[in-house]
Amino acid sequence: MLERPTGGQRAVIVGLAIGSKRVDAGLAELEALVASAGATVVGRVTGRRPAPDPALYAGRGKVDEISHLREEAKADLVIFDHVLSGVQQRNLEQALACRVVDRTSLILDIFAQRARSAEGKLQVELAQLAHLSTRLVRGWTHLERQKGGIGLRGPGETQLETDRRLIARRVKLLKERLSRVAVSRGVQSRTRKRARVRTVALVGYTNAGKSTLFNRLTRERVYAADQLFATLDTTLRRVHVPGADPVVLSDTVGFIRDLPHDLVAAFRATLSEAAEADLVVHVVDASAPDRDAQVQAVERVLAEIGADQVPQLTVLNKIDAANLVPGVERDAYGTIRTVRVSALTGEGCAALVSALAERFPAGPARADDAAAVGSMP
């Protein structure tokens, strides 16, 4: 049997600028992803190509450079900041004699480590299987393809066909389980709307400070850390907003540049919290050097999940690191569109609560409000 290389804690990372694309910011993010996955970056390779090589993604000369650096740094893993095809990944592993991982596989690995709830684990497994199904290659010699002739016929189905069938069966089962989760979420959402409970979804680029802001507003202790994808599972909590309808705040998974499509599809039930919210609060890291690119990445995912039509409020977080002052910015109609805060120190958070009160002024009391809000998770 032909096995893929295993192991990998010392990594060489590779980022190629395709066409006019810049690579510096991407490699810094890739290095953070590698650290989040538990590996150590021991070398970096950059370069530029007009287009990816069909067989190796990088050219032969660049692959030789990567191989030399890998041996010199004693690395056992090479990580590309790009999406590789199954053929490219296999050819690179043969040329470099080590395990090769692309950006999608790396993100999926981090999600697999971070998933805690049963729903989160189902979603990650579904995304992994969807990704795996597109890159099954013939790596077995113990089961040959079907052959003709007496004594030469292979098994009834090839190993590839068996794998595809087993994966398809498991994917169907996972989708059925997640569809039941989606139905349950829909029932909870309708219950909140009937009770006039306003849902506010925190969204943003990974590590923008969503969980820290969530903890600040709800006085909870949801896990928050200075790492990419620190939390995956959506959490809903009541936030006290004086003079407003009852408000429930949801903390969703962070987004990232080139978020794998399979992952977005698998997490659609979870991300529906943003699509069905009364307000999307887009948390932006005001200190990030590529802030505009991060904002665009989040907006692309919001459009993909159908949340781009939901009213939005921008929160510029980490103003203490960006040397900004707390405050609000209003549009021509007097509506608050941007709030500057520091979730870490609490500066500006009172203005954010006031902005929520302006958005959702208290309406006529309803008899079932207290019971409905009291049952919120």
Protein backbone atom coordinates (compact mmCIF):
# COMPACT_ATOMS: atom_id res chain seq x y z
CA MET A 1 0.00 0.00 0.00
CA LEU A 2 1.21 3.47 -0.85
CA GLU A 3 0.82 5.59 2.27
CA ARG A 4 0.90 9.38 2.55
CA PRO A 5 3.63 10.82 4.81
CA THR A 6 2.50 11.30 8.40
CA GLY A 7 3.49 13.56 11.29
CA GLY A 8 4.33 17.21 11.14
CA GLN A 9 5.15 19.71 13.88
CA ARG A 10 7.96 21.68 12.20
CA ALA A 11 6.61 23.44 9.14
CA VAL A 12 7.89 25.35 6.14
CA ILE A 13 5.20 27.71 4.85
CA VAL A 14 4.86 28.69 1.20
CA GLY A 15 3.11 31.72 -0.26
CA LEU A 16 3.18 32.60 -3.93
CA ALA A 17 1.95 35.86 -5.40
CA ILE A 18 -0.19 34.89 -8.38
CA GLY A 19 -0.36 37.70 -10.93
CA SER A 20 -0.45 41.06 -9.13
CA LYS A 21 -1.48 39.61 -5.76
CA ARG A 22 0.59 40.51 -2.68
CA VAL A 23 1.71 37.75 -0.34
CA ASP A 24 3.18 39.41 2.80
CA ALA A 25 -0.03 39.85 4.81
CA GLY A 26 -1.24 36.39 3.78
CA LEU A 27 1.89 34.68 5.06
CA ALA A 28 1.63 36.47 8.41
CA GLU A 29 -1.92 35.15 8.73
CA LEU A 30 -0.83 31.67 7.62
CA GLU A 31 1.85 31.69 10.32
CA ALA A 32 -0.85 32.51 12.90
CA LEU A 33 -2.97 29.65 11.56
CA VAL A 34 -0.03 27.26 11.84
CA ALA A 35 0.52 28.32 15.45
CA SER A 36 -3.19 27.82 16.17
CA ALA A 37 -2.91 24.30 14.76
CA GLY A 38 -0.05 23.53 17.15
CA ALA A 39 2.88 23.50 14.73
CA THR A 40 6.01 25.67 14.56
CA VAL A 41 7.10 27.63 11.49
CA VAL A 42 10.80 27.00 10.80
CA GLY A 43 11.02 28.46 7.30
CA ARG A 44 9.24 30.65 4.76
CA VAL A 45 9.32 30.50 0.97
CA THR A 46 7.82 33.21 -1.23
CA GLY A 47 7.75 33.82 -4.92
CA ARG A 48 5.70 35.05 -7.84
CA ARG A 49 4.07 33.25 -10.74
CA PRO A 50 1.78 34.44 -13.53
CA ALA A 51 -0.41 31.37 -12.94
CA PRO A 52 -0.28 28.17 -10.83
CA ASP A 53 1.58 25.20 -12.29
CA PRO A 54 -0.99 22.46 -13.09
CA ALA A 55 1.17 19.68 -11.66
CA LEU A 56 2.98 21.26 -8.69
CA TYR A 57 1.29 24.65 -8.20
CA ALA A 58 4.82 26.07 -7.77
CA GLY A 59 7.36 25.65 -10.57
CA ARG A 60 10.01 22.93 -10.49
CA GLY A 61 12.72 25.38 -9.46
CA LYS A 62 10.63 26.68 -6.56
CA VAL A 63 9.86 23.13 -5.45
CA ASP A 64 13.61 22.41 -5.38
CA GLU A 65 14.07 25.54 -3.23
CA ILE A 66 11.36 24.37 -0.83
CA SER A 67 12.93 20.91 -0.65
CA HIS A 68 16.38 22.36 0.17
CA LEU A 69 14.97 24.61 2.90
CA ARG A 70 12.92 21.77 4.36
CA GLU A 71 15.97 19.53 4.69
CA GLU A 72 18.09 22.36 6.07
CA ALA A 73 15.46 23.31 8.69
CA LYS A 74 14.65 19.67 9.46
CA ALA A 75 10.97 20.35 8.77
CA ASP A 76 8.53 17.47 8.41
CA LEU A 77 5.64 19.46 6.99
CA VAL A 78 5.13 21.94 4.14
CA ILE A 79 2.06 24.18 4.23
CA PHE A 80 0.87 26.13 1.19
CA ASP A 81 -1.17 29.31 1.62
CA HIS A 82 -3.24 28.20 -1.36
CA VAL A 83 -5.85 25.62 -2.28
CA LEU A 84 -4.16 22.62 -3.89
CA SER A 85 -5.83 20.03 -6.09
CA GLY A 86 -5.52 16.37 -5.13
CA VAL A 87 -3.03 15.80 -7.96
CA GLN A 88 -0.88 18.79 -6.96
CA GLN A 89 -0.83 17.66 -3.34
CA ARG A 90 0.20 14.12 -4.28
CA ASN A 91 2.92 15.31 -6.68
CA LEU A 92 4.31 17.73 -4.10
CA GLU A 93 4.46 15.03 -1.42
CA GLN A 94 6.36 12.77 -3.78
CA ALA A 95 8.77 15.57 -4.76
CA LEU A 96 9.33 16.86 -1.20
CA ALA A 97 9.19 13.48 0.60
CA CYS A 98 7.04 14.93 3.37
CA ARG A 99 3.44 15.71 4.15
CA VAL A 100 2.00 18.67 2.25
CA VAL A 101 -1.02 20.59 3.55
CA ASP A 102 -2.96 23.34 1.80
CA ARG A 103 -4.79 26.28 3.37
CA THR A 104 -8.18 24.55 3.38
CA SER A 105 -6.86 21.42 5.11
CA LEU A 106 -5.10 23.54 7.73
CA ILE A 107 -8.27 25.49 8.58
CA LEU A 108 -10.28 22.26 8.76
CA ASP A 109 -7.70 20.80 11.14
CA ILE A 110 -7.99 23.83 13.44
CA PHE A 111 -11.78 23.57 13.40
CA ALA A 112 -11.53 19.88 14.28
CA GLN A 113 -9.38 20.77 17.32
CA ARG A 114 -11.70 23.58 18.46
CA ALA A 115 -15.11 21.91 18.06
CA ARG A 116 -16.63 21.12 21.46
CA SER A 117 -20.39 20.71 21.02
CA ALA A 118 -21.99 17.75 19.27
CA GLU A 119 -23.27 20.11 16.57
CA GLY A 120 -19.84 21.63 16.01
CA LYS A 121 -18.24 18.20 15.63
CA LEU A 122 -20.88 17.16 13.11
CA GLN A 123 -20.31 20.31 11.09
CA VAL A 124 -16.53 19.90 11.04
CA GLU A 125 -16.76 16.24 10.05
CA LEU A 126 -19.12 17.10 7.21
CA ALA A 127 -16.73 19.76 5.91
CA GLN A 128 -13.77 17.37 6.17
CA LEU A 129 -15.57 14.64 4.24
CA ALA A 130 -16.72 17.08 1.56
CA HIS A 131 -13.10 18.22 1.15
CA LEU A 132 -11.75 14.65 1.17
CA SER A 133 -14.20 13.42 -1.43
CA THR A 134 -12.68 15.73 -4.05
CA ARG A 135 -9.13 14.46 -3.59
CA LEU A 136 -9.33 10.69 -3.43
CA VAL A 137 -6.45 9.34 -5.49
CA ARG A 138 -5.45 5.78 -6.25
CA GLY A 139 -3.01 5.01 -3.46
CA TRP A 140 -3.54 1.27 -3.12
CA THR A 141 -1.78 -1.61 -4.86
CA HIS A 142 -3.47 -4.38 -2.84
CA LEU A 143 -6.79 -3.82 -4.63
CA GLU A 144 -6.38 -3.45 -8.36
CA ARG A 145 -8.92 -1.90 -10.68
CA GLN A 146 -11.31 -4.31 -12.34
CA LYS A 147 -9.57 -6.42 -14.94
CA GLY A 148 -10.79 -8.83 -17.55
CA GLY A 149 -9.75 -12.44 -17.99
CA ILE A 150 -9.95 -15.56 -15.83
CA GLY A 151 -7.83 -15.17 -12.75
CA LEU A 152 -7.25 -11.47 -13.45
CA ARG A 153 -10.57 -9.98 -12.42
CA GLY A 154 -10.32 -7.65 -9.45
CA PRO A 155 -12.83 -7.20 -6.64
CA GLY A 156 -16.41 -6.23 -7.41
CA GLU A 157 -15.63 -2.54 -6.86
CA THR A 158 -12.36 -0.71 -6.67
CA GLN A 159 -10.99 0.83 -3.47
CA LEU A 160 -11.76 4.31 -4.79
CA GLU A 161 -15.36 3.36 -5.43
CA THR A 162 -15.64 1.82 -1.96
CA ASP A 163 -14.25 4.97 -0.35
CA ARG A 164 -16.58 7.23 -2.32
CA ARG A 165 -19.57 5.09 -1.38
CA LEU A 166 -18.69 5.06 2.32
CA ILE A 167 -18.05 8.82 2.33
CA ALA A 168 -21.34 9.51 0.53
CA ARG A 169 -23.22 7.39 3.06
CA ARG A 170 -21.65 9.21 6.00
CA VAL A 171 -22.24 12.63 4.42
CA LYS A 172 -25.93 11.80 3.96
CA LEU A 173 -26.21 10.81 7.63
CA LEU A 174 -24.48 13.98 8.82
CA LYS A 175 -26.69 16.19 6.65
CA GLU A 176 -29.80 14.53 8.09
CA ARG A 177 -28.61 15.19 11.64
CA LEU A 178 -27.73 18.80 10.87
CA SER A 179 -31.09 19.36 9.18
CA ARG A 180 -32.74 18.43 12.47
CA VAL A 181 -30.52 20.98 14.22
CA ALA A 182 -31.60 23.61 11.69
CA VAL A 183 -35.28 22.85 12.38
CA SER A 184 -34.66 23.21 16.12
CA ARG A 185 -32.92 26.55 15.60
CA GLY A 186 -35.81 27.73 13.46
CA VAL A 187 -38.30 26.93 16.22
CA GLN A 188 -36.20 28.83 18.78
CA SER A 189 -35.91 31.82 16.43
CA ARG A 190 -39.67 31.99 15.86
CA THR A 191 -40.26 31.75 19.62
CA ARG A 192 -37.99 34.73 20.22
CA LYS A 193 -39.66 36.79 17.50
CA ARG A 194 -43.14 36.09 18.90
CA ALA A 195 -41.94 37.24 22.32
CA ARG A 196 -40.50 40.42 20.74
CA VAL A 197 -36.98 39.37 21.73
CA ARG A 198 -34.41 41.10 19.52
CA THR A 199 -31.50 38.98 18.29
CA VAL A 200 -28.14 40.66 17.72
CA ALA A 201 -25.43 38.60 16.00
CA LEU A 202 -21.76 39.39 16.52
CA VAL A 203 -19.79 38.67 13.37
CA GLY A 204 -16.29 39.53 12.28
CA TYR A 205 -12.89 38.39 11.18
CA THR A 206 -11.33 35.77 13.40
CA ASN A 207 -9.46 37.26 16.37
CA ALA A 208 -11.25 40.62 16.00
CA GLY A 209 -12.34 40.39 19.65
CA LYS A 210 -15.92 39.16 19.28
CA SER A 211 -15.83 36.81 22.27
CA THR A 212 -14.15 39.43 24.46
CA LEU A 213 -16.86 41.94 23.51
CA PHE A 214 -19.53 39.28 24.09
CA ASN A 215 -18.17 38.65 27.60
CA ARG A 216 -18.03 42.40 28.30
CA LEU A 217 -21.67 42.98 27.32
CA THR A 218 -23.19 39.84 28.85
CA ARG A 219 -20.85 39.47 31.84
CA GLU A 220 -20.20 35.89 30.80
CA ARG A 221 -16.95 33.96 30.63
CA VAL A 222 -17.00 32.51 27.15
CA TYR A 223 -13.52 31.33 26.15
CA ALA A 224 -11.57 34.13 24.48
CA ALA A 225 -7.90 34.05 23.49
CA ASP A 226 -5.45 35.84 21.21
CA GLN A 227 -5.54 33.11 18.56
CA LEU A 228 -7.42 32.37 15.36
CA PHE A 229 -10.70 30.50 15.74
CA ALA A 230 -10.53 30.40 19.54
CA THR A 231 -14.21 29.44 19.67
CA LEU A 232 -16.50 27.72 17.18
CA ASP A 233 -19.78 26.99 18.89
CA THR A 234 -22.43 29.70 18.81
CA THR A 235 -23.41 31.02 22.24
CA LEU A 236 -26.57 33.01 22.99
CA ARG A 237 -27.00 35.13 26.11
CA ARG A 238 -29.32 37.90 27.31
CA VAL A 239 -27.78 41.38 27.44
CA HIS A 240 -29.34 44.10 29.57
CA VAL A 241 -30.16 47.16 27.46
CA PRO A 242 -32.05 49.83 29.48
CA GLY A 243 -35.07 51.25 27.69
CA ALA A 244 -35.05 48.63 24.95
CA ASP A 245 -36.86 45.45 23.99
CA PRO A 246 -35.27 42.26 25.39
CA VAL A 247 -32.01 41.62 23.51
CA VAL A 248 -30.26 38.29 23.01
CA LEU A 249 -26.64 38.44 21.81
CA SER A 250 -25.14 35.60 19.76
CA ASP A 251 -21.40 35.02 19.37
CA THR A 252 -20.69 33.23 16.07
CA VAL A 253 -17.64 31.60 14.51
CA GLY A 254 -15.08 34.03 13.13
CA PHE A 255 -14.54 34.45 9.41
CA ILE A 256 -11.27 34.49 7.51
CA ARG A 257 -9.90 35.20 4.06
CA ASP A 258 -10.65 32.35 1.63
CA LEU A 259 -12.84 30.54 4.17
CA PRO A 260 -13.37 27.08 2.63
CA HIS A 261 -16.71 26.81 0.87
CA ASP A 262 -17.29 23.35 2.37
CA LEU A 263 -16.88 24.85 5.82
CA VAL A 264 -19.39 27.63 5.14
CA ALA A 265 -21.86 25.06 3.81
CA ALA A 266 -21.39 22.77 6.82
CA PHE A 267 -21.79 25.63 9.31
CA ARG A 268 -24.84 27.07 7.54
CA ALA A 269 -27.14 26.05 10.42
CA THR A 270 -24.93 27.86 12.91
CA LEU A 271 -24.40 30.88 10.68
CA SER A 272 -28.15 31.17 10.20
CA GLU A 273 -28.12 33.00 13.55
CA ALA A 274 -26.62 35.94 11.65
CA ALA A 275 -28.93 35.62 8.64
CA GLU A 276 -32.04 35.62 10.85
CA ALA A 277 -30.89 38.27 13.33
CA ASP A 278 -32.55 41.64 13.77
CA LEU A 279 -29.13 43.30 13.69
CA VAL A 280 -25.64 42.21 12.66
CA VAL A 281 -22.86 43.80 14.70
CA HIS A 282 -19.72 43.62 12.57
CA VAL A 283 -16.74 43.66 14.93
CA VAL A 284 -13.64 45.02 13.19
CA ASP A 285 -10.08 44.97 14.52
CA ALA A 286 -9.24 48.66 14.24
CA SER A 287 -5.53 47.93 14.77
CA ALA A 288 -5.18 45.39 11.95
CA PRO A 289 -2.90 46.59 9.14
CA ASP A 290 -5.14 44.89 6.54
CA ARG A 291 -8.39 46.01 8.14
CA ASP A 292 -10.13 46.82 4.85
CA ALA A 293 -9.31 43.38 3.40
CA GLN A 294 -10.69 41.73 6.54
CA VAL A 295 -13.91 43.73 6.28
CA GLN A 296 -14.31 42.65 2.64
CA ALA A 297 -13.72 38.99 3.56
CA VAL A 298 -16.47 39.14 6.20
CA GLU A 299 -18.88 40.87 3.83
CA ARG A 300 -18.33 38.15 1.21
CA VAL A 301 -19.26 35.42 3.69
CA LEU A 302 -22.30 37.40 4.91
CA ALA A 303 -23.48 37.61 1.30
CA GLU A 304 -22.92 33.88 0.85
CA ILE A 305 -25.12 32.96 3.83
CA GLY A 306 -27.80 35.52 2.97
CA ALA A 307 -27.05 37.90 5.86
CA ASP A 308 -25.99 40.87 3.74
CA GLN A 309 -29.54 42.29 3.80
CA VAL A 310 -29.74 42.35 7.61
CA PRO A 311 -29.27 45.84 9.17
CA GLN A 312 -25.66 46.25 10.24
CA LEU A 313 -23.77 48.17 12.91
CA THR A 314 -19.98 48.41 12.71
CA VAL A 315 -17.93 48.21 15.90
CA LEU A 316 -14.30 49.31 15.64
CA ASN A 317 -12.70 47.25 18.41
CA LYS A 318 -9.20 47.44 19.94
CA ILE A 319 -9.12 51.24 19.85
CA ASP A 320 -6.57 51.10 22.66
CA ALA A 321 -4.13 49.41 20.26
CA ALA A 322 -5.10 51.66 17.34
CA ASN A 323 -4.78 54.93 19.32
CA LEU A 324 -8.41 55.89 18.66
CA VAL A 325 -10.85 57.52 21.05
CA PRO A 326 -14.21 55.95 21.98
CA GLY A 327 -17.27 57.42 20.35
CA VAL A 328 -19.96 56.96 17.72
CA GLU A 329 -20.38 57.95 14.08
CA ARG A 330 -23.82 58.75 12.66
CA ASP A 331 -25.04 58.82 9.07
CA ALA A 332 -26.92 61.68 7.36
CA TYR A 333 -30.17 60.50 8.96
CA GLY A 334 -28.76 60.55 12.49
CA THR A 335 -28.56 56.76 12.82
CA ILE A 336 -25.52 55.35 14.59
CA ARG A 337 -23.52 53.36 12.03
CA THR A 338 -20.16 52.94 13.80
CA VAL A 339 -19.13 52.64 17.44
CA ARG A 340 -15.50 52.79 18.58
CA VAL A 341 -14.78 50.55 21.58
CA SER A 342 -12.17 48.55 23.41
CA ALA A 343 -13.68 45.28 24.56
CA LEU A 344 -10.57 44.66 26.63
CA THR A 345 -10.77 47.85 28.72
CA GLY A 346 -14.50 48.53 28.37
CA GLU A 347 -14.05 51.96 26.78
CA GLY A 348 -16.96 52.86 24.50
CA CYS A 349 -19.07 49.83 25.46
CA ALA A 350 -21.66 52.06 27.15
CA ALA A 351 -22.08 53.88 23.83
CA LEU A 352 -22.61 50.51 22.12
CA VAL A 353 -25.37 49.62 24.59
CA SER A 354 -26.96 53.02 23.94
CA ALA A 355 -26.81 52.34 20.21
CA LEU A 356 -28.71 49.08 20.74
CA ALA A 357 -31.30 50.97 22.80
CA GLU A 358 -31.77 53.41 19.89
CA ARG A 359 -32.23 50.53 17.46
CA PHE A 360 -34.72 48.62 19.62
CA PRO A 361 -36.70 51.05 21.78
CA ALA A 362 -39.03 49.28 24.21
CA GLY A 363 -42.45 48.54 22.71
CA PRO A 364 -45.76 47.54 24.29
CA ALA A 365 -45.31 44.95 27.02
CA ARG A 366 -46.47 41.43 26.28
CA ALA A 367 -47.64 38.89 28.79
CA ASP A 368 -45.39 36.13 27.50
CA ASP A 369 -42.19 38.20 27.33
CA ALA A 370 -40.85 37.18 30.72
CA ALA A 371 -41.44 33.47 30.17
CA ALA A 372 -39.94 33.52 26.69
CA VAL A 373 -36.85 35.47 27.67
CA GLY A 374 -36.38 33.35 30.75
CA SER A 375 -36.16 30.24 28.56
CA MET A 376 -33.40 31.65 26.36
CA PRO A 377 -30.19 29.57 26.40
